[in-house]
Amino acid sequence: MSKLKIEMGASKVKRAPLKTTIDGDVSDDLGLMCEWSDNDLSYIVNRLLRHSIAEIEDFQKYKADRLASSRPDNNGVKHASESARKVLPSAGAMSPQPEKGVIA
């Protein structure tokens, strides 16, 4: 009998497709990790990206600086960087459909 794993609130997470190609050996490892953990590809990719992004200290400092500079100043006017900022999908924003082929 297979295990049913349901993450609470997972369907309410904002998701966006990630269109990219990956190396064959990475694809093989992702497929093996899906098999080993009994999870779908999008879940594995999200977890790996979330972990990797959190570990890059220089990026986290940059992100904090960007967020601080985009907050309204004392008179309520937002900085120019806020209006010109391009919002990229978060690491946790992937398509929820399970995938058997590895096209992350």
Protein backbone atom coordinates (compact mmCIF):
# COMPACT_ATOMS: atom_id res chain seq x y z
CA MET A 1 0.00 0.00 0.00
CA SER A 2 1.41 3.42 -0.94
CA LYS A 3 1.69 6.31 1.49
CA LEU A 4 -0.55 9.35 1.10
CA LYS A 5 1.33 12.52 2.02
CA ILE A 6 -0.70 15.72 2.29
CA GLU A 7 1.00 18.96 3.25
CA MET A 8 -1.40 21.29 5.04
CA GLY A 9 -2.12 24.46 3.03
CA ALA A 10 0.03 23.43 0.08
CA SER A 11 -2.71 24.21 -2.43
CA LYS A 12 -2.87 27.82 -1.20
CA VAL A 13 0.76 28.56 -2.02
CA LYS A 14 1.25 30.91 -4.98
CA ARG A 15 2.83 28.93 -7.79
CA ALA A 16 4.44 29.83 -11.10
CA PRO A 17 5.91 27.59 -13.79
CA LEU A 18 9.69 27.34 -14.03
CA LYS A 19 10.86 26.95 -17.60
CA THR A 20 14.45 25.82 -17.85
CA THR A 21 16.61 22.92 -18.92
CA ILE A 22 18.86 20.95 -16.60
CA ASP A 23 21.85 18.69 -17.08
CA GLY A 24 21.18 15.01 -17.63
CA ASP A 25 22.97 13.88 -14.47
CA VAL A 26 20.97 16.38 -12.39
CA SER A 27 17.81 15.10 -14.05
CA ASP A 28 18.75 11.53 -13.16
CA ASP A 29 19.46 12.50 -9.55
CA LEU A 30 16.13 14.34 -9.28
CA GLY A 31 14.29 11.31 -10.61
CA LEU A 32 16.09 9.07 -8.14
CA MET A 33 15.35 11.50 -5.29
CA CYS A 34 11.64 11.47 -6.24
CA GLU A 35 11.66 7.67 -6.16
CA TRP A 36 13.62 7.53 -2.89
CA SER A 37 11.42 10.08 -1.07
CA ASP A 38 8.09 9.09 -2.66
CA ASN A 39 7.44 12.73 -3.63
CA ASP A 40 6.71 14.38 -6.96
CA LEU A 41 9.26 16.38 -8.92
CA SER A 42 7.82 19.82 -8.21
CA TYR A 43 7.97 19.17 -4.45
CA ILE A 44 11.61 18.03 -4.64
CA VAL A 45 12.68 20.95 -6.84
CA ASN A 46 10.92 23.45 -4.55
CA ARG A 47 12.57 22.02 -1.44
CA LEU A 48 16.03 21.99 -3.04
CA LEU A 49 15.71 25.54 -4.37
CA ARG A 50 14.32 26.87 -1.10
CA HIS A 51 17.21 25.28 0.82
CA SER A 52 19.85 26.50 -1.63
CA ILE A 53 18.54 30.06 -1.71
CA ALA A 54 18.46 30.22 2.08
CA GLU A 55 22.10 29.09 2.26
CA ILE A 56 23.55 31.85 0.04
CA GLU A 57 24.46 34.57 2.56
CA ASP A 58 25.41 37.22 -0.02
CA PHE A 59 22.05 36.83 -1.74
CA GLN A 60 20.18 37.01 1.58
CA LYS A 61 21.97 40.31 2.38
CA TYR A 62 21.09 41.64 -1.08
CA LYS A 63 17.48 40.59 -0.63
CA ALA A 64 17.25 42.28 2.77
CA ASP A 65 18.76 45.48 1.34
CA ARG A 66 16.28 45.42 -1.57
CA LEU A 67 13.34 44.94 0.77
CA ALA A 68 14.57 47.72 3.07
CA SER A 69 15.03 50.15 0.17
CA SER A 70 11.58 49.38 -1.23
CA ARG A 71 9.72 50.32 1.97
CA PRO A 72 8.07 53.73 2.14
CA ASP A 73 10.21 56.41 3.76
CA ASN A 74 9.00 58.74 6.53
CA ASN A 75 6.66 60.79 4.31
CA GLY A 76 4.98 57.71 2.78
CA VAL A 77 6.64 57.97 -0.65
CA LYS A 78 8.05 54.76 -2.04
CA HIS A 79 11.53 54.73 -3.49
CA ALA A 80 11.91 54.56 -7.27
CA SER A 81 13.38 51.07 -6.99
CA GLU A 82 10.01 49.80 -5.71
CA SER A 83 8.06 50.83 -8.79
CA ALA A 84 10.76 49.67 -11.21
CA ARG A 85 11.40 46.37 -9.43
CA LYS A 86 10.59 43.24 -11.40
CA VAL A 87 9.03 40.64 -9.13
CA LEU A 88 10.40 37.16 -9.74
CA PRO A 89 8.49 34.04 -8.68
CA SER A 90 9.57 32.63 -5.35
CA ALA A 91 11.25 29.29 -4.99
CA GLY A 92 8.11 27.79 -3.68
CA ALA A 93 6.11 28.92 -6.64
CA MET A 94 6.05 25.95 -8.93
CA SER A 95 3.30 24.03 -10.67
CA PRO A 96 1.62 21.55 -8.29
CA GLN A 97 1.17 18.75 -10.85
CA PRO A 98 3.25 15.65 -10.25
CA GLU A 99 5.69 14.98 -13.06
CA LYS A 100 7.30 11.71 -14.03
CA GLY A 101 9.64 13.13 -16.71
CA VAL A 102 12.22 15.52 -15.41
CA ILE A 103 11.65 18.90 -16.99
CA ALA A 104 12.23 21.35 -14.15
